[in-house]
Amino acid sequence: MKKETDWKKKLTKEQYHILREKGTEQPFTGKLLHNKETGVYVCGGCGAKLFSSETKFDSGCGWPSFYDLAEKENVELKKDLSLGMERVEVICKKCGGHLGHLFNDGPKPTGQRYCINSAALGFKKKK
């Protein structure tokens, strides 16, 4: 596992705040929010495969949203009681980075909405 000083060197200030300090970006500002290219969304910290462009949808919430995971073994879900509400935090299992939250108001077939910070992601375009 990397030390926090290593993370600070590797990540931008915004990425560090989100991935390591459980922050969030302002809604409707993320560079991947309107991305419509075909490919794979990976963890911005370690590159683990997280979501496919095939499961991305426009939820109108201001953050990239996905209705399913590409690699379930790369994600950990954890109860989050911060901010006076109960939510489910989405964490990269490989590096422990905070990605966003999971809600049960997504489209079929899963009914789930992974609401993910754009700055917590990288994107690998399909060739």
Protein backbone atom coordinates (compact mmCIF):
# COMPACT_ATOMS: atom_id res chain seq x y z
CA MET A 1 0.00 0.00 0.00
CA LYS A 2 1.27 3.46 -0.89
CA LYS A 3 2.07 6.05 1.73
CA GLU A 4 0.04 9.27 1.73
CA THR A 5 3.14 11.21 0.62
CA ASP A 6 3.33 8.96 -2.46
CA TRP A 7 -0.36 9.57 -3.22
CA LYS A 8 0.17 13.33 -2.97
CA LYS A 9 2.94 13.09 -5.57
CA LYS A 10 0.95 10.86 -7.93
CA LEU A 11 -2.46 12.55 -7.82
CA THR A 12 -3.66 16.06 -8.58
CA LYS A 13 -4.90 18.08 -5.61
CA GLU A 14 -8.54 17.39 -6.60
CA GLN A 15 -7.91 13.66 -7.11
CA TYR A 16 -6.19 13.43 -3.73
CA HIS A 17 -9.07 15.22 -2.01
CA ILE A 18 -11.61 12.84 -3.53
CA LEU A 19 -9.77 9.51 -3.58
CA ARG A 20 -7.86 9.82 -0.29
CA GLU A 21 -9.94 12.28 1.79
CA LYS A 22 -13.42 11.14 0.66
CA GLY A 23 -14.21 14.49 -0.92
CA THR A 24 -16.44 15.25 -3.88
CA GLU A 25 -16.25 17.45 -6.93
CA GLN A 26 -18.82 20.12 -7.71
CA PRO A 27 -21.77 18.70 -9.70
CA PHE A 28 -21.74 19.18 -13.48
CA THR A 29 -18.00 20.03 -13.54
CA GLY A 30 -16.34 16.65 -14.12
CA LYS A 31 -14.43 16.04 -17.35
CA LEU A 32 -15.99 12.59 -17.84
CA LEU A 33 -19.60 13.58 -17.11
CA HIS A 34 -20.54 13.99 -20.78
CA ASN A 35 -18.07 11.45 -22.19
CA LYS A 36 -19.86 9.29 -24.76
CA GLU A 37 -16.86 7.37 -26.09
CA THR A 38 -16.73 3.58 -25.93
CA GLY A 39 -14.29 2.15 -23.43
CA VAL A 40 -13.57 1.39 -19.80
CA TYR A 41 -13.59 3.63 -16.75
CA VAL A 42 -10.75 2.83 -14.36
CA CYS A 43 -9.71 3.98 -10.90
CA GLY A 44 -7.85 7.27 -11.11
CA GLY A 45 -5.56 6.10 -8.32
CA CYS A 46 -4.47 2.64 -9.40
CA GLY A 47 -6.01 1.90 -12.81
CA ALA A 48 -8.29 -0.94 -11.67
CA LYS A 49 -11.13 -1.62 -14.13
CA LEU A 50 -14.41 -0.36 -12.62
CA PHE A 51 -17.13 0.48 -15.17
CA SER A 52 -17.91 -0.07 -18.83
CA SER A 53 -19.16 2.75 -21.05
CA GLU A 54 -22.04 0.38 -21.89
CA THR A 55 -23.50 0.85 -18.39
CA LYS A 56 -23.07 4.65 -18.22
CA PHE A 57 -26.26 6.72 -18.28
CA ASP A 58 -27.32 10.33 -17.81
CA SER A 59 -28.97 10.45 -14.39
CA GLY A 60 -29.10 14.24 -14.29
CA CYS A 61 -27.35 14.26 -10.89
CA GLY A 62 -24.20 16.04 -12.08
CA TRP A 63 -21.76 13.14 -11.75
CA PRO A 64 -21.00 10.21 -14.06
CA SER A 65 -23.52 7.46 -13.33
CA PHE A 66 -23.40 3.75 -14.07
CA TYR A 67 -25.98 1.03 -13.46
CA ASP A 68 -23.50 -1.83 -13.04
CA LEU A 69 -19.86 -2.66 -12.36
CA ALA A 70 -17.45 -4.00 -14.97
CA GLU A 71 -15.36 -5.89 -12.39
CA LYS A 72 -17.21 -6.58 -9.14
CA GLU A 73 -14.03 -7.82 -7.43
CA ASN A 74 -12.43 -4.37 -7.82
CA VAL A 75 -15.09 -2.55 -5.77
CA GLU A 76 -15.96 -2.54 -2.09
CA LEU A 77 -19.25 -1.18 -0.75
CA LYS A 78 -19.34 0.30 2.73
CA LYS A 79 -22.04 1.91 4.87
CA ASP A 80 -21.49 5.68 5.08
CA LEU A 81 -23.21 7.60 7.87
CA SER A 82 -21.49 10.94 7.22
CA LEU A 83 -23.39 14.18 6.61
CA GLY A 84 -26.29 13.00 8.76
CA MET A 85 -27.59 10.48 6.24
CA GLU A 86 -27.18 6.81 5.44
CA ARG A 87 -25.53 6.06 2.11
CA VAL A 88 -23.42 3.32 0.53
CA GLU A 89 -19.86 4.40 -0.25
CA VAL A 90 -18.15 2.97 -3.35
CA ILE A 91 -14.46 2.25 -2.78
CA CYS A 92 -11.74 0.86 -5.06
CA LYS A 93 -10.83 -2.45 -3.45
CA LYS A 94 -7.34 -2.39 -4.96
CA CYS A 95 -6.12 0.98 -3.57
CA GLY A 96 -8.82 2.00 -1.07
CA GLY A 97 -9.73 5.15 -3.01
CA HIS A 98 -13.13 6.77 -2.47
CA LEU A 99 -15.04 6.80 -5.75
CA GLY A 100 -18.54 7.98 -4.88
CA HIS A 101 -21.82 6.48 -3.66
CA LEU A 102 -24.36 3.85 -4.70
CA PHE A 103 -28.10 4.56 -4.77
CA ASN A 104 -31.08 2.35 -5.55
CA ASP A 105 -32.75 4.70 -8.04
CA GLY A 106 -31.06 3.64 -11.28
CA PRO A 107 -32.49 2.15 -14.47
CA LYS A 108 -33.21 -1.47 -15.29
CA PRO A 109 -31.82 -4.08 -15.30
CA THR A 110 -30.12 -3.43 -11.91
CA GLY A 111 -32.06 -0.48 -10.51
CA GLN A 112 -28.75 0.83 -9.16
CA ARG A 113 -26.95 4.14 -9.72
CA TYR A 114 -23.25 4.28 -9.03
CA CYS A 115 -22.75 8.04 -8.67
CA ILE A 116 -19.01 8.47 -9.20
CA ASN A 117 -16.70 11.48 -9.06
CA SER A 118 -15.22 12.14 -12.49
CA ALA A 119 -11.87 13.07 -10.91
CA ALA A 120 -11.74 9.64 -9.25
CA LEU A 121 -11.79 7.98 -12.68
CA GLY A 122 -9.59 7.50 -15.66
CA PHE A 123 -10.89 6.48 -19.08
CA LYS A 124 -9.39 4.00 -21.55
CA LYS A 125 -10.91 4.38 -24.99
CA LYS A 126 -11.68 1.17 -26.86
CA LYS A 127 -9.48 0.82 -29.92
